[in-house]
N, C-alpha and C. Protein backbone atom coordinates (compact mmCIF):
# COMPACT_ATOMS: atom_id res chain seq x y z
N MET A 1 52.40 -32.14 -25.80
CA MET A 1 52.60 -31.08 -24.42
C MET A 1 53.75 -31.47 -23.68
N LYS A 2 54.46 -30.45 -23.22
CA LYS A 2 55.57 -30.82 -22.03
C LYS A 2 54.87 -31.26 -20.57
N PRO A 3 55.65 -32.03 -19.94
CA PRO A 3 54.88 -32.57 -18.66
C PRO A 3 54.82 -31.28 -17.70
N ASN A 4 55.78 -30.29 -17.80
CA ASN A 4 55.37 -29.30 -16.81
C ASN A 4 54.23 -28.37 -17.29
N LYS A 5 53.85 -28.33 -18.40
CA LYS A 5 52.44 -27.54 -18.90
C LYS A 5 51.32 -28.49 -18.60
N THR A 6 51.43 -29.64 -18.70
CA THR A 6 50.40 -30.48 -18.62
C THR A 6 50.26 -30.68 -16.97
N LEU A 7 51.04 -30.53 -16.12
CA LEU A 7 51.05 -30.85 -14.86
C LEU A 7 50.43 -29.27 -14.27
N GLY A 8 50.67 -28.22 -14.69
CA GLY A 8 50.22 -26.89 -14.58
C GLY A 8 48.80 -26.71 -14.87
N LEU A 9 48.41 -27.25 -16.05
CA LEU A 9 47.16 -26.92 -16.34
C LEU A 9 46.10 -27.76 -15.70
N THR A 10 46.89 -29.28 -15.23
CA THR A 10 45.98 -30.23 -14.36
C THR A 10 45.93 -29.28 -12.97
N VAL A 11 46.74 -28.57 -12.32
CA VAL A 11 46.68 -28.23 -11.26
C VAL A 11 45.49 -26.87 -11.23
N ALA A 12 45.73 -26.10 -12.27
CA ALA A 12 44.77 -25.20 -12.76
C ALA A 12 43.56 -25.41 -12.84
N ALA A 13 42.95 -26.65 -13.09
CA ALA A 13 41.59 -27.05 -13.54
C ALA A 13 41.23 -27.58 -12.24
N LEU A 14 41.89 -28.21 -11.40
CA LEU A 14 41.37 -28.47 -9.91
C LEU A 14 41.39 -27.40 -8.94
N SER A 15 42.32 -26.60 -8.97
CA SER A 15 42.34 -25.28 -8.32
C SER A 15 40.76 -24.48 -8.63
N PHE A 16 40.38 -24.32 -10.02
CA PHE A 16 39.26 -23.89 -10.18
C PHE A 16 38.02 -24.58 -9.82
N LEU A 17 38.18 -25.71 -9.92
CA LEU A 17 37.05 -26.73 -9.39
C LEU A 17 36.84 -26.47 -8.15
N ALA A 18 37.86 -26.66 -7.53
CA ALA A 18 37.58 -26.42 -5.83
C ALA A 18 37.36 -24.98 -5.44
N LEU A 19 37.91 -24.04 -6.09
CA LEU A 19 37.34 -22.54 -5.86
C LEU A 19 36.02 -22.30 -6.19
N GLY A 20 35.28 -22.99 -7.33
CA GLY A 20 34.17 -23.08 -7.50
C GLY A 20 33.05 -23.77 -6.63
N TYR A 21 33.48 -25.14 -6.15
CA TYR A 21 32.98 -25.52 -5.12
C TYR A 21 32.75 -25.11 -3.54
N PHE A 22 33.84 -24.65 -3.06
CA PHE A 22 33.77 -23.95 -1.85
C PHE A 22 33.58 -22.54 -2.16
N GLY A 23 33.19 -21.88 -3.32
CA GLY A 23 32.59 -20.74 -3.19
C GLY A 23 31.16 -20.56 -3.22
N VAL A 24 30.55 -21.94 -3.84
CA VAL A 24 29.24 -22.08 -3.77
C VAL A 24 28.77 -22.33 -2.36
N GLN A 25 29.50 -22.79 -1.62
CA GLN A 25 29.08 -23.20 -0.37
C GLN A 25 29.20 -21.86 0.94
N TYR A 26 30.22 -21.11 0.26
CA TYR A 26 30.26 -19.97 1.20
C TYR A 26 29.37 -18.81 0.73
N PHE A 27 29.48 -18.54 -0.82
CA PHE A 27 28.72 -17.14 -1.18
C PHE A 27 27.19 -17.70 -1.69
N GLY A 28 27.09 -18.82 -1.88
CA GLY A 28 25.61 -19.05 -2.59
C GLY A 28 25.88 -19.27 -4.26
N ARG A 29 24.67 -20.00 -4.74
CA ARG A 29 24.91 -20.48 -6.18
C ARG A 29 24.74 -19.11 -6.76
N ASN A 30 23.70 -18.18 -6.43
CA ASN A 30 23.19 -17.10 -7.60
C ASN A 30 24.65 -16.18 -7.41
N ASN A 31 25.25 -15.86 -6.26
CA ASN A 31 26.33 -15.13 -6.06
C ASN A 31 27.39 -15.67 -7.02
N MET A 32 27.63 -16.91 -7.16
CA MET A 32 28.60 -17.13 -7.83
C MET A 32 28.51 -17.12 -9.38
N PHE A 33 27.43 -17.25 -9.61
CA PHE A 33 26.91 -17.24 -11.24
C PHE A 33 27.19 -15.69 -11.43
N THR A 34 26.87 -14.63 -10.70
CA THR A 34 27.16 -13.50 -10.89
C THR A 34 28.59 -13.24 -10.93
N ILE A 35 29.43 -13.74 -9.70
CA ILE A 35 30.82 -13.53 -10.26
C ILE A 35 31.61 -13.86 -11.31
N ALA A 36 30.97 -15.20 -11.59
CA ALA A 36 31.33 -15.97 -13.09
C ALA A 36 30.77 -15.16 -14.33
N ALA A 37 29.78 -14.21 -14.29
CA ALA A 37 29.43 -13.48 -15.14
C ALA A 37 30.30 -12.28 -15.52
N ALA A 38 30.65 -11.72 -14.12
CA ALA A 38 31.45 -10.43 -14.41
C ALA A 38 32.92 -10.74 -14.80
N VAL A 39 33.46 -11.95 -14.12
CA VAL A 39 34.71 -12.20 -14.79
C VAL A 39 35.06 -12.67 -15.86
N GLY A 40 33.76 -13.31 -16.75
CA GLY A 40 33.63 -13.54 -18.10
C GLY A 40 33.57 -12.00 -18.92
N GLY A 41 32.83 -11.40 -18.37
CA GLY A 41 32.19 -10.10 -19.16
C GLY A 41 33.77 -9.13 -19.15
N ALA A 42 34.25 -9.42 -18.05
CA ALA A 42 35.67 -8.30 -18.03
C ALA A 42 36.58 -9.10 -19.13
N GLY A 43 36.61 -10.27 -19.21
CA GLY A 43 37.64 -10.96 -20.07
C GLY A 43 37.25 -10.58 -21.65
N ALA A 44 35.90 -10.62 -21.81
CA ALA A 44 35.35 -10.27 -22.90
C ALA A 44 35.61 -8.67 -23.54
N ILE A 45 35.53 -7.94 -22.43
CA ILE A 45 35.85 -6.44 -22.69
C ILE A 45 37.32 -6.56 -23.00
N SER A 46 38.19 -6.98 -22.13
CA SER A 46 39.74 -6.56 -22.22
C SER A 46 40.04 -7.33 -23.66
N TYR A 47 39.42 -8.26 -23.99
CA TYR A 47 39.93 -9.02 -25.16
C TYR A 47 39.38 -7.94 -26.52
N VAL A 48 38.17 -7.55 -26.28
CA VAL A 48 37.89 -6.35 -27.66
C VAL A 48 38.60 -5.22 -27.53
N LEU A 49 38.90 -4.86 -26.20
CA LEU A 49 39.84 -3.61 -26.24
C LEU A 49 40.90 -3.49 -26.57
N GLN A 50 41.79 -4.80 -26.99
CA GLN A 50 42.94 -4.65 -27.00
C GLN A 50 43.57 -4.34 -28.26
N LYS A 51 44.59 -3.60 -28.52
CA LYS A 51 45.19 -3.19 -29.72
C LYS A 51 46.33 -3.74 -30.30
N PRO A 52 46.34 -3.83 -31.63
CA PRO A 52 47.37 -4.83 -32.10
C PRO A 52 48.62 -4.12 -31.71
N ASN A 53 49.71 -5.06 -31.78
CA ASN A 53 51.07 -4.51 -31.25
C ASN A 53 51.99 -3.68 -32.42
N GLN A 54 51.44 -4.36 -33.57
CA GLN A 54 52.15 -3.45 -34.64
C GLN A 54 51.10 -2.92 -35.84
N PRO A 55 51.22 -1.74 -35.89
CA PRO A 55 50.37 -1.15 -36.89
C PRO A 55 50.31 -1.83 -38.51
N GLU A 56 49.36 -1.79 -39.00
CA GLU A 56 49.23 -2.24 -40.19
C GLU A 56 50.43 -1.72 -41.59
N ALA A 57 51.20 -2.33 -42.08
CA ALA A 57 52.17 -1.58 -42.85
C ALA A 57 51.37 -0.93 -44.36
N PRO A 58 51.62 0.33 -44.41
CA PRO A 58 50.91 1.09 -45.66
C PRO A 58 51.60 -0.06 -46.87
N SER A 59 50.46 -0.24 -48.14
CA SER A 59 50.75 -1.09 -48.90
C SER A 59 51.51 -0.23 -50.24
N THR A 60 52.64 -0.67 -50.70
CA THR A 60 53.26 0.01 -51.76
C THR A 60 52.46 0.11 -52.94
N ASP A 61 51.59 -0.75 -53.16
CA ASP A 61 50.97 -1.15 -54.54
C ASP A 61 49.71 -0.28 -54.64
N PRO A 62 49.74 0.37 -55.78
CA PRO A 62 48.67 1.50 -56.10
C PRO A 62 47.34 0.58 -55.94
N GLU A 63 46.39 1.16 -55.62
CA GLU A 63 44.81 -0.07 -55.92
C GLU A 63 44.68 0.41 -57.35
N PRO A 64 44.19 -1.03 -57.79
CA PRO A 64 44.12 -0.95 -59.37
C PRO A 64 42.38 -0.17 -59.69
N GLN A 65 42.59 0.59 -60.54
CA GLN A 65 41.30 1.04 -61.25
C GLN A 65 40.35 0.40 -61.73
N PRO A 66 39.46 0.73 -61.52
CA PRO A 66 38.07 -0.23 -62.33
C PRO A 66 38.19 -0.19 -64.32
N THR A 67 38.20 -1.05 -64.64
CA THR A 67 38.01 -1.03 -66.20
C THR A 67 36.73 -0.74 -66.34
N PRO A 68 36.35 0.14 -67.34
CA PRO A 68 35.29 0.79 -67.79
C PRO A 68 34.24 -0.29 -68.54
N VAL A 69 33.37 -0.55 -68.35
CA VAL A 69 32.42 -1.54 -69.15
C VAL A 69 32.22 -0.83 -70.48
N LYS A 70 32.28 -1.41 -71.61
CA LYS A 70 31.67 -0.97 -72.78
C LYS A 70 30.23 -1.40 -72.95
N THR A 71 29.88 -0.25 -73.50
CA THR A 71 28.24 -0.55 -74.03
C THR A 71 28.10 -0.67 -75.36
N GLN A 72 27.20 -1.42 -75.83
CA GLN A 72 26.76 -1.67 -77.01
C GLN A 72 25.96 -0.88 -77.57
N ARG A 73 25.55 -0.03 -78.62
CA ARG A 73 24.47 0.49 -79.02
C ARG A 73 23.66 -0.16 -79.72
N ARG A 74 22.13 -0.23 -79.73
CA ARG A 74 21.20 -0.95 -80.49
C ARG A 74 20.79 -0.05 -81.29
N ARG A 75 21.01 -0.42 -82.91
CA ARG A 75 20.34 0.49 -83.67
C ARG A 75 19.10 0.13 -84.21
N ASN A 76 18.10 1.08 -84.45
CA ASN A 76 16.97 1.10 -84.93
C ASN A 76 16.71 0.44 -86.22
N LYS A 77 16.42 -0.58 -86.55
CA LYS A 77 16.14 -0.90 -88.01
C LYS A 77 15.00 -0.12 -88.42
N SER A 78 14.93 0.46 -89.54
CA SER A 78 14.17 1.03 -90.27
C SER A 78 13.40 0.67 -91.33
């Protein structure tokens, strides 16, 4: 990983930990759980609702037709 990216991830992780710590002190434990659940739910919903950037290209190959299954007739022995 590049040093700038590593430094950025470290700073982000420490800031999120500090935000959580001070948030619990100010808002209380249950409110912080509610906030975390709301943010996680919003992230999950936005992930599900994202549409792909490029539509699927139509295939140029025709679909293969199923091959008929041959059945054998049983003859009655007289």
